[in-house]
């Protein structure tokens, strides 16, 4: 079982700030399309933050990148932001207990939620015709991004949760906290 303490003894604002900084910095680094760390940041937020702080890391991370890289269609941006928030909120029930299966499941579910919502952006901006064929083409074209997003969430999520677990074990061993 991995470390599980959503705001129990941990400082939620410090965690949120750390996730904001790490998320924004990592999202600004060059990466292949669809291989972003934001999904993993959302999964971490879902695991370790109270509900009222849950959207903060993903919104700040994406907004920081948008401020530096540049904006795009308002409708598309709104759907992307909504998708990121929905991902973090959608995986919260899966992470009541934190373990490898829960983290892996949350990584996949997060990517699927993002795919389903964000792929409406090309439709909203007129890149595809608003027909059944247009919707099918749009979602089919997004499948490579979905697969990369799943891979990114699994990789970055595993690294992040393993790092947190390792740090927690080291801290517990060398600096025992009184009960």
Foldseek 3Di string as FASTA:
>chain_A
DFDADQPNPDDQVVLLVVLQVVLQVQQQDDDPQLLHCLLLSLQVLLRHYDPVSNLRNSVSNVVSNCVVVHDDDPLLVVLQSVLSSCLSVVLNVLNNPDDLVSQLVSQLSSLVSNLVRNLCSCVVVVVFDPDPVRSVVSSVVCVVSSVSSSVNSNVSNVVVRVVVRVVVVVCCVPPNDDD
